[in-house]
Amino acid sequence: MNEGFLLDIENLWVYYDRIAALKEVSLKVKKGEIVALLGANGAGKTTTLMSISRILNIEQGKINYKGTDIINFSPENIVSMGIRQIPERKKIFRYLKVEDNLLMGAYLEKNKIRIKHNLEKVYDLFPPLWERRNKLGDTLSGGEQQMLAIGMSLMSEVELLLLDEPSLGLAPKFVEETFQIIEEVNKKGTSILLVEQNAYMALEIAHRGYVLEAGKVKFEDRASDLLKNPAIKEAYLGG
């Protein structure tokens, strides 16, 4: 793996029964990057994230993380290595208080001083969570629930954040706020692989991007160049 690449996926094949969901997928994420992963429904975007998290079995290929092939690692190993996946539809504990949700995100962390430090860091990043720390998760707005889901993932050491459709189901006024949150998390040093249906917004904040089509990488380029690509504009950006 070339120095500087946090994640390096090589020729990944994943099957659902006998149907190939991913075919020779290769992609990279550099340290400090936001990389957008785009494509239509069923193109293989979520399958890619779940493969990295080692939730799905892989038929063939390599997933190198910091120079180590993690194909045979367990999901627990993946989390302990600093990879977190936030699934679509914001998985939070709706009937726990905000602060209890955040503490649940620190379940792997044994050092109480570090937990306290990470809690302060999350509240500093997301002031609305501090203001609502004693409220139930179910009472938060859609945007605040997304903050909470991301905040939970930051309660232990995270180097690579896998975000699956963070704007899904959000009111339009919360979508821009969510992308600002993603940028802020990235500026604090977390690399991000972003799956998102809102291709324009994703490419606006990403450094590079990949487009999946029927389980294969159709395009890869700098995000700014993908925004100018006529085929991308027609298929994903409304012309």
Foldseek 3Di string as FASTA:
>chain_A
DDPQWQKWWFQWWADDVNATLAGGAIDTFGFLFEEEEEEDPSLCQVVVVCQLLVVGQTDDTFIAGPRDTCNPPHSVVSLVVAEEEQAPPQDFQQAQFLQVRLVVLCVVPDDPVLLVVLVVVLCVLPVVCVVRRGPGNNPDALLVSLSSSVSSPSSDHHAEYEYAASCPPHDPVSNVVSLVSVLVVSVVGHYYYYYHLQLVSSLVRGQWYFYGGSNYTPDIDGSVVCVVDPVSCVPRVVD
